[in-house]
Amino acid sequence: MNWQREVARLAHAVEEAVDRIKYRHVNGTRPLMIIPYLGFGSAEFIDLKGRVLEDSGIKPSRETDRVWNNLLNMYRRFESDEVPYARIIARFQHIEQEITADEEGFFEVSFRFDQPLASEQSWQNIEIELLEPKVPGSEKVRAIGQALIVSTQVEFGVISDIDDTVVHTGVTSRLKMAHTVLLKNARTRLPLKGVANFYNALQQGRNGEGCNPLFYVSSSPWNMYDLFREFFQINDIPVGPIFLRDWGFERQTMLTVKNRKYKLDSICYILDSLPDLKFILIGDSGEEDPEIYTQVIHLYPQRILAAYIRCVKRDPQRRDEIHALAELGKKSGSAMVLIEDIHGMEKHAAQRGWISLSSASQPAE
């Protein structure tokens, strides 16, 4: 409706003005920093995103951190002081690219190569330097971004949800989710049982020696990025590009981009960028993963090997809905599998020859 668009446009303008005033107020009181998010690419391209912020002083997590420390760190994440319209320069090998960030401090780097990239390395470094704003008396602000280069030799890719798929969050209960998000850190959050072993097996492939790429797509905001990176490292979960959301107002909508559209767009972007690669999708039944993955299967027939859905709702009606979606998936040449736990996914993947039998863990006695 027109009135909704007008309200959204006004809200976006107010948010942008507040960001500018806030930055002018705090500018110079804290050092600036560039946060490069993990990117990806192939022999033909590299894409990488990032953000320019004032350093909020968030420290790495400790098991001894008190609830107050975790709550304070979460406040600092969401009360981030972005640097609107910062100018940066990105350098990769002999290529340089200047970029201007948006009003929220977000920027995107995109390299396209005339000649295929010749490298055996899975990860490539991109140098990033802040050009403007300049802080008098301070050293140049620099960072090293990393991009995962997907080889033509990989067997398949994996796209996974995070909340209640990799880490226990409790998205089906607002109280449990609030407790986890606000009061726990990367060390006190719990991974799903067996997830590290399964994801490492998927990365290593059928012979246990591969390097299949993993991508993570979540509805959580970019403010949570550092926590997820730390969580993956602590729990030996394979690292990969993480796609999160900007929760700010958009010009044409009253609220942020809806979850389904955001996740679908992110998954389609990955699939379109790597058109010769087939994928395994992993999610849960708590929100809209089954509906989103069904749409992906329909849009990319024959490219989705399987869509694993971990059952987090015991509602019989929800099960029936997912089984109905699974029947639709079969018509497009893919399997949507509703499974109780990670071991069930491992068993199915091993039977299909996607992971090594020796990599699959055994169920607890």
Protein backbone atom coordinates (compact mmCIF):
# COMPACT_ATOMS: atom_id res chain seq x y z
CA MET A 1 0.00 0.00 0.00
CA ASN A 2 1.11 3.56 -0.71
CA TRP A 3 0.85 4.71 2.91
CA GLN A 4 3.08 1.83 4.01
CA ARG A 5 5.71 2.82 1.46
CA GLU A 6 5.57 6.43 2.62
CA VAL A 7 5.95 5.42 6.27
CA ALA A 8 8.82 3.11 5.33
CA ARG A 9 10.53 5.85 3.33
CA LEU A 10 10.16 8.26 6.26
CA ALA A 11 11.45 5.68 8.76
CA HIS A 12 14.45 4.98 6.54
CA ALA A 13 15.20 8.72 6.25
CA VAL A 14 14.93 9.17 10.03
CA GLU A 15 17.21 6.20 10.66
CA GLU A 16 19.78 7.53 8.18
CA ALA A 17 19.70 10.99 9.80
CA VAL A 18 20.12 9.50 13.27
CA ASP A 19 23.08 7.45 12.04
CA ARG A 20 24.75 10.57 10.65
CA ILE A 21 24.19 12.57 13.86
CA LYS A 22 25.35 9.68 16.01
CA TYR A 23 28.51 9.26 13.97
CA ARG A 24 29.35 12.97 14.10
CA HIS A 25 28.81 12.89 17.85
CA VAL A 26 31.11 9.96 18.58
CA ASN A 27 33.57 10.39 15.70
CA GLY A 28 37.12 10.52 16.97
CA THR A 29 36.36 9.13 20.41
CA ARG A 30 37.01 5.52 19.41
CA PRO A 31 39.21 3.93 16.73
CA LEU A 32 37.64 2.81 13.47
CA MET A 33 37.79 -0.75 12.19
CA ILE A 34 37.01 -2.67 9.03
CA ILE A 35 35.17 -5.97 9.48
CA PRO A 36 35.54 -8.10 6.32
CA TYR A 37 33.03 -10.94 6.13
CA LEU A 38 34.19 -14.20 4.58
CA GLY A 39 33.68 -14.08 0.83
CA PHE A 40 33.80 -16.68 -1.92
CA GLY A 41 34.61 -17.05 -5.56
CA SER A 42 35.95 -19.27 -8.32
CA ALA A 43 38.60 -19.01 -11.01
CA GLU A 44 36.46 -16.27 -12.61
CA PHE A 45 35.43 -14.02 -9.69
CA ILE A 46 35.69 -13.09 -6.02
CA ASP A 47 32.87 -11.47 -4.02
CA LEU A 48 33.31 -10.19 -0.48
CA LYS A 49 31.25 -8.03 1.86
CA GLY A 50 32.20 -6.09 4.96
CA ARG A 51 31.40 -3.18 7.22
CA VAL A 52 33.15 -0.12 8.63
CA LEU A 53 32.41 0.51 12.32
CA GLU A 54 33.78 2.23 15.36
CA ASP A 55 35.50 -0.29 17.62
CA SER A 56 33.01 -1.20 20.36
CA GLY A 57 35.55 -3.13 22.40
CA ILE A 58 33.99 -6.60 22.23
CA LYS A 59 36.39 -9.17 23.69
CA PRO A 60 36.65 -12.88 22.78
CA SER A 61 34.36 -15.10 24.83
CA ARG A 62 35.45 -16.94 27.96
CA GLU A 63 33.73 -19.79 29.78
CA THR A 64 34.08 -17.78 32.99
CA ASP A 65 32.23 -14.76 31.57
CA ARG A 66 29.29 -13.80 33.73
CA VAL A 67 25.79 -13.22 32.44
CA TRP A 68 26.35 -9.49 32.78
CA ASN A 69 29.44 -9.67 30.54
CA ASN A 70 27.50 -11.54 27.86
CA LEU A 71 24.58 -9.13 28.06
CA LEU A 72 26.95 -6.15 27.81
CA ASN A 73 28.71 -7.62 24.77
CA MET A 74 25.37 -8.26 23.08
CA TYR A 75 24.36 -4.66 23.76
CA ARG A 76 27.63 -3.47 22.21
CA ARG A 77 26.97 -5.60 19.11
CA PHE A 78 23.53 -4.14 18.51
CA GLU A 79 24.46 -0.61 19.50
CA SER A 80 27.19 -0.60 16.86
CA ASP A 81 28.34 2.79 15.60
CA GLU A 82 28.57 2.37 11.85
CA VAL A 83 30.55 4.75 9.64
CA PRO A 84 28.18 5.87 6.87
CA TYR A 85 29.54 6.29 3.34
CA ALA A 86 33.10 5.35 4.30
CA ARG A 87 35.47 5.04 1.34
CA ILE A 88 37.74 2.01 1.14
CA ILE A 89 40.15 0.50 -1.34
CA ALA A 90 40.42 -3.26 -1.86
CA ARG A 91 43.48 -4.89 -3.41
CA PHE A 92 43.84 -8.41 -4.80
CA GLN A 93 47.04 -9.28 -6.63
CA HIS A 94 47.41 -6.50 -9.25
CA ILE A 95 43.77 -5.34 -9.09
CA GLU A 96 42.54 -2.37 -7.04
CA GLN A 97 38.96 -1.33 -6.45
CA GLU A 98 37.58 1.70 -4.62
CA ILE A 99 34.20 1.32 -2.93
CA THR A 100 31.89 3.60 -0.99
CA ALA A 101 29.96 2.01 1.86
CA ASP A 102 26.23 2.60 2.29
CA GLU A 103 24.56 4.56 5.10
CA GLU A 104 24.95 1.56 7.45
CA GLY A 105 28.67 1.20 6.75
CA PHE A 106 28.23 -1.94 4.60
CA PHE A 107 30.34 -2.40 1.47
CA GLU A 108 30.72 -5.01 -1.26
CA VAL A 109 33.86 -5.91 -3.18
CA SER A 110 33.53 -7.72 -6.50
CA PHE A 111 36.50 -8.79 -8.61
CA ARG A 112 36.05 -10.26 -12.11
CA PHE A 113 39.05 -11.80 -13.88
CA ASP A 114 39.88 -11.61 -17.59
CA GLN A 115 42.08 -14.68 -17.15
CA PRO A 116 41.11 -17.58 -14.85
CA LEU A 117 42.66 -17.34 -11.41
CA ALA A 118 45.58 -19.75 -11.20
CA SER A 119 45.95 -20.91 -7.62
CA GLU A 120 45.79 -24.14 -5.66
CA GLN A 121 44.89 -22.33 -2.45
CA SER A 122 41.35 -22.71 -1.12
CA TRP A 123 41.41 -19.28 0.52
CA GLN A 124 42.64 -16.01 -0.97
CA ASN A 125 43.51 -12.84 0.93
CA ILE A 126 42.15 -9.41 -0.02
CA GLU A 127 43.80 -6.30 1.43
CA ILE A 128 41.35 -3.60 2.51
CA GLU A 129 42.28 -0.06 3.55
CA LEU A 130 40.11 2.80 4.79
CA LEU A 131 40.51 5.97 2.71
CA GLU A 132 37.84 8.16 4.34
CA PRO A 133 37.08 9.29 6.94
CA LYS A 134 40.60 9.93 8.14
CA VAL A 135 41.19 10.15 11.87
CA PRO A 136 43.92 12.74 12.62
CA GLY A 137 46.94 11.29 14.38
CA SER A 138 45.89 7.69 13.83
CA GLU A 139 47.56 4.98 11.79
CA LYS A 140 45.92 3.80 8.58
CA VAL A 141 43.00 1.45 9.19
CA ARG A 142 43.56 -1.84 7.36
CA ALA A 143 42.16 -5.36 7.38
CA ILE A 144 42.67 -8.64 5.54
CA GLY A 145 39.58 -10.22 4.04
CA GLN A 146 39.42 -13.86 2.99
CA ALA A 147 37.50 -15.49 0.16
CA LEU A 148 36.89 -19.20 -0.32
CA ILE A 149 37.81 -20.22 -3.87
CA VAL A 150 35.57 -23.05 -5.02
CA SER A 151 37.51 -25.46 -7.19
CA THR A 152 35.99 -27.21 -10.19
CA GLN A 153 37.12 -30.47 -8.55
CA VAL A 154 34.73 -30.31 -5.58
CA GLU A 155 31.89 -32.85 -5.47
CA PHE A 156 29.08 -30.64 -4.15
CA GLY A 157 28.36 -27.64 -1.96
CA VAL A 158 26.40 -27.35 1.30
CA ILE A 159 24.06 -24.53 2.33
CA SER A 160 23.03 -24.66 5.96
CA ASP A 161 20.82 -22.70 8.32
CA ILE A 162 22.43 -21.86 11.69
CA ASP A 163 19.84 -21.41 14.45
CA ASP A 164 18.58 -24.80 15.68
CA THR A 165 20.41 -26.42 12.77
CA VAL A 166 24.00 -25.89 13.91
CA VAL A 167 23.55 -24.24 17.31
CA HIS A 168 20.77 -24.71 19.85
CA THR A 169 18.79 -21.47 19.86
CA GLY A 170 15.19 -22.33 20.67
CA VAL A 171 13.55 -20.34 17.87
CA THR A 172 10.25 -22.11 18.58
CA SER A 173 10.16 -20.50 22.03
CA ARG A 174 10.69 -16.75 22.34
CA LEU A 175 11.72 -17.05 25.99
CA LYS A 176 14.36 -19.73 25.29
CA MET A 177 15.65 -17.84 22.27
CA ALA A 178 15.95 -14.57 24.23
CA HIS A 179 17.83 -16.36 27.02
CA THR A 180 20.28 -17.93 24.55
CA VAL A 181 20.83 -14.83 22.42
CA LEU A 182 21.19 -12.32 25.24
CA LEU A 183 22.81 -14.28 28.05
CA LYS A 184 25.12 -16.83 26.40
CA ASN A 185 28.35 -16.42 24.45
CA ALA A 186 30.23 -18.43 21.82
CA ARG A 187 31.63 -20.78 24.47
CA THR A 188 28.46 -21.37 26.47
CA ARG A 189 26.17 -21.87 23.47
CA LEU A 190 25.69 -25.53 22.58
CA PRO A 191 26.13 -27.06 19.13
CA LEU A 192 23.78 -29.80 18.01
CA LYS A 193 25.13 -33.21 18.88
CA GLY A 194 27.23 -34.59 16.02
CA VAL A 195 27.05 -31.47 13.86
CA ALA A 196 30.83 -30.89 13.75
CA ASN A 197 31.53 -34.48 12.69
CA PHE A 198 28.80 -34.44 10.04
CA TYR A 199 29.77 -31.10 8.54
CA ASN A 200 33.43 -32.09 8.43
CA ALA A 201 32.39 -35.32 6.68
CA LEU A 202 30.39 -33.31 4.13
CA GLN A 203 33.36 -31.04 3.53
CA GLN A 204 35.69 -34.04 3.02
CA GLY A 205 33.28 -35.86 0.70
CA ARG A 206 33.02 -39.46 -0.37
CA ASN A 207 36.71 -40.31 -0.08
CA GLY A 208 37.40 -38.24 3.02
CA GLU A 209 39.95 -36.06 1.23
CA GLY A 210 37.87 -33.38 -0.51
CA CYS A 211 37.28 -29.72 0.19
CA ASN A 212 33.59 -29.20 -0.53
CA PRO A 213 32.43 -25.64 0.28
CA LEU A 214 30.00 -24.90 3.09
CA PHE A 215 27.81 -21.78 3.19
CA TYR A 216 25.69 -20.61 6.10
CA VAL A 217 22.48 -18.58 5.64
CA SER A 218 20.72 -17.25 8.73
CA SER A 219 18.00 -14.74 9.60
CA SER A 220 20.18 -13.38 12.40
CA PRO A 221 21.57 -9.84 11.96
CA TRP A 222 25.13 -9.04 10.85
CA ASN A 223 25.75 -7.84 14.42
CA MET A 224 26.06 -11.53 15.38
CA TYR A 225 28.79 -12.30 12.84
CA ASP A 226 31.75 -12.31 15.23
CA LEU A 227 29.90 -14.60 17.65
CA PHE A 228 29.12 -17.16 14.94
CA ARG A 229 32.69 -17.13 13.63
CA GLU A 230 34.03 -17.71 17.12
CA PHE A 231 31.43 -20.41 17.81
CA PHE A 232 32.39 -22.35 14.65
CA GLN A 233 36.09 -22.18 15.54
CA ILE A 234 35.59 -23.29 19.14
CA ASN A 235 33.41 -26.25 18.14
CA ASP A 236 35.48 -27.40 15.13
CA ILE A 237 32.68 -26.68 12.65
CA PRO A 238 33.98 -26.06 9.11
CA VAL A 239 34.27 -22.39 8.33
CA GLY A 240 32.51 -20.91 5.32
CA PRO A 241 30.88 -17.71 4.06
CA ILE A 242 28.06 -16.58 6.36
CA PHE A 243 25.04 -14.67 5.02
CA LEU A 244 23.18 -12.65 7.65
CA ARG A 245 20.63 -9.82 7.54
CA ASP A 246 20.65 -6.07 7.94
CA TRP A 247 17.83 -5.34 10.37
CA GLY A 248 17.56 -1.65 9.49
CA PHE A 249 14.50 -0.12 7.83
CA GLU A 250 14.31 -0.38 4.08
CA ARG A 251 13.04 2.34 1.78
CA GLN A 252 10.08 0.41 0.40
CA THR A 253 8.96 -1.74 3.35
CA MET A 254 7.74 -0.95 6.83
CA LEU A 255 9.81 -3.76 8.30
CA THR A 256 13.01 -5.46 7.27
CA VAL A 257 13.09 -7.90 4.35
CA LYS A 258 10.94 -10.86 5.23
CA ASN A 259 12.78 -14.00 6.28
CA ARG A 260 11.62 -16.15 3.37
CA LYS A 261 12.58 -13.65 0.67
CA TYR A 262 15.94 -12.88 2.29
CA LYS A 263 16.97 -16.52 2.65
CA LEU A 264 15.69 -17.43 -0.81
CA ASP A 265 17.58 -14.52 -2.40
CA SER A 266 20.81 -15.48 -0.57
CA ILE A 267 20.57 -19.13 -1.61
CA CYS A 268 19.78 -18.19 -5.21
CA TYR A 269 22.79 -15.87 -5.25
CA ILE A 270 25.07 -18.75 -4.21
CA LEU A 271 23.56 -21.14 -6.75
CA ASP A 272 23.70 -18.58 -9.57
CA SER A 273 27.34 -17.74 -8.75
CA LEU A 274 28.36 -21.42 -8.95
CA PRO A 275 26.13 -22.72 -11.77
CA ASP A 276 27.94 -26.03 -12.30
CA LEU A 277 27.77 -27.14 -8.67
CA LYS A 278 25.10 -29.29 -7.00
CA PHE A 279 24.13 -28.66 -3.38
CA ILE A 280 22.84 -30.23 -0.19
CA LEU A 281 20.55 -28.01 1.89
CA ILE A 282 20.25 -28.35 5.68
CA GLY A 283 17.67 -26.68 7.90
CA ASP A 284 14.98 -27.30 10.51
CA SER A 285 11.21 -27.35 10.75
CA GLY A 286 11.00 -24.50 13.27
CA GLU A 287 10.41 -21.69 10.80
CA GLU A 288 10.24 -21.59 6.99
CA ASP A 289 13.20 -23.70 5.84
CA PRO A 290 10.97 -26.44 4.30
CA GLU A 291 9.00 -23.89 2.27
CA ILE A 292 12.15 -22.01 1.21
CA TYR A 293 13.98 -25.19 0.21
CA THR A 294 10.97 -26.44 -1.76
CA GLN A 295 11.06 -23.21 -3.75
CA VAL A 296 14.81 -23.63 -4.36
CA ILE A 297 14.28 -27.20 -5.57
CA HIS A 298 11.60 -25.96 -7.97
CA LEU A 299 13.77 -23.09 -9.28
CA TYR A 300 16.89 -25.27 -9.69
CA PRO A 301 15.73 -28.74 -10.78
CA GLN A 302 18.38 -31.46 -10.70
CA ARG A 303 20.80 -29.25 -8.74
CA ILE A 304 19.70 -30.05 -5.18
CA LEU A 305 20.90 -33.48 -4.10
CA ALA A 306 18.86 -33.40 -0.90
CA ALA A 307 17.25 -31.02 1.58
CA TYR A 308 17.62 -32.23 5.16
CA ILE A 309 15.06 -30.88 7.62
CA ARG A 310 15.67 -31.54 11.32
CA CYS A 311 12.38 -31.98 13.15
CA VAL A 312 12.11 -29.46 16.01
CA LYS A 313 8.31 -29.32 16.16
CA ARG A 314 6.29 -32.34 17.24
CA ASP A 315 3.10 -30.90 15.76
CA PRO A 316 1.54 -33.60 13.51
CA GLN A 317 0.11 -30.93 11.22
CA ARG A 318 3.59 -29.48 10.63
CA ARG A 319 4.91 -32.96 9.80
CA ASP A 320 2.14 -33.45 7.28
CA GLU A 321 2.94 -30.10 5.69
CA ILE A 322 6.60 -31.03 5.29
CA HIS A 323 5.80 -34.45 3.88
CA ALA A 324 3.52 -32.75 1.32
CA LEU A 325 6.38 -30.41 0.39
CA ALA A 326 8.69 -33.42 0.07
CA GLU A 327 6.35 -34.94 -2.53
CA LEU A 328 6.61 -31.73 -4.55
CA GLY A 329 10.41 -31.94 -4.33
CA LYS A 330 10.46 -35.43 -5.80
CA LYS A 331 8.90 -34.11 -9.01
CA SER A 332 11.93 -31.82 -9.44
CA GLY A 333 14.40 -34.63 -8.95
CA SER A 334 15.35 -33.99 -5.32
CA ALA A 335 14.66 -35.47 -1.90
CA MET A 336 13.45 -33.50 1.11
CA VAL A 337 14.10 -35.64 4.16
CA LEU A 338 12.49 -34.96 7.56
CA ILE A 339 14.91 -36.38 10.13
CA GLU A 340 14.99 -36.39 13.92
CA ASP A 341 18.72 -35.80 14.43
CA ILE A 342 22.13 -35.34 12.83
CA HIS A 343 22.88 -39.06 12.87
CA GLY A 344 19.91 -39.66 10.58
CA MET A 345 21.33 -37.15 8.11
CA GLU A 346 24.74 -38.86 8.29
CA LYS A 347 23.19 -42.24 7.62
CA HIS A 348 21.27 -40.96 4.60
CA ALA A 349 24.31 -39.13 3.18
CA ALA A 350 26.53 -42.19 3.64
CA GLN A 351 23.97 -44.42 1.90
CA ARG A 352 23.94 -42.02 -1.06
CA GLY A 353 27.74 -42.05 -1.22
CA TRP A 354 28.13 -38.35 -0.43
CA ILE A 355 30.28 -38.91 2.66
CA SER A 356 32.75 -41.59 3.64
CA LEU A 357 31.30 -44.40 5.75
CA SER A 358 34.31 -44.10 8.05
CA SER A 359 33.47 -40.41 8.61
CA ALA A 360 29.92 -41.07 9.77
CA SER A 361 29.65 -41.24 13.55
CA GLN A 362 27.90 -44.05 15.32
CA PRO A 363 24.75 -43.44 17.35
CA ALA A 364 25.11 -43.39 21.12
CA GLU A 365 24.31 -46.67 22.87
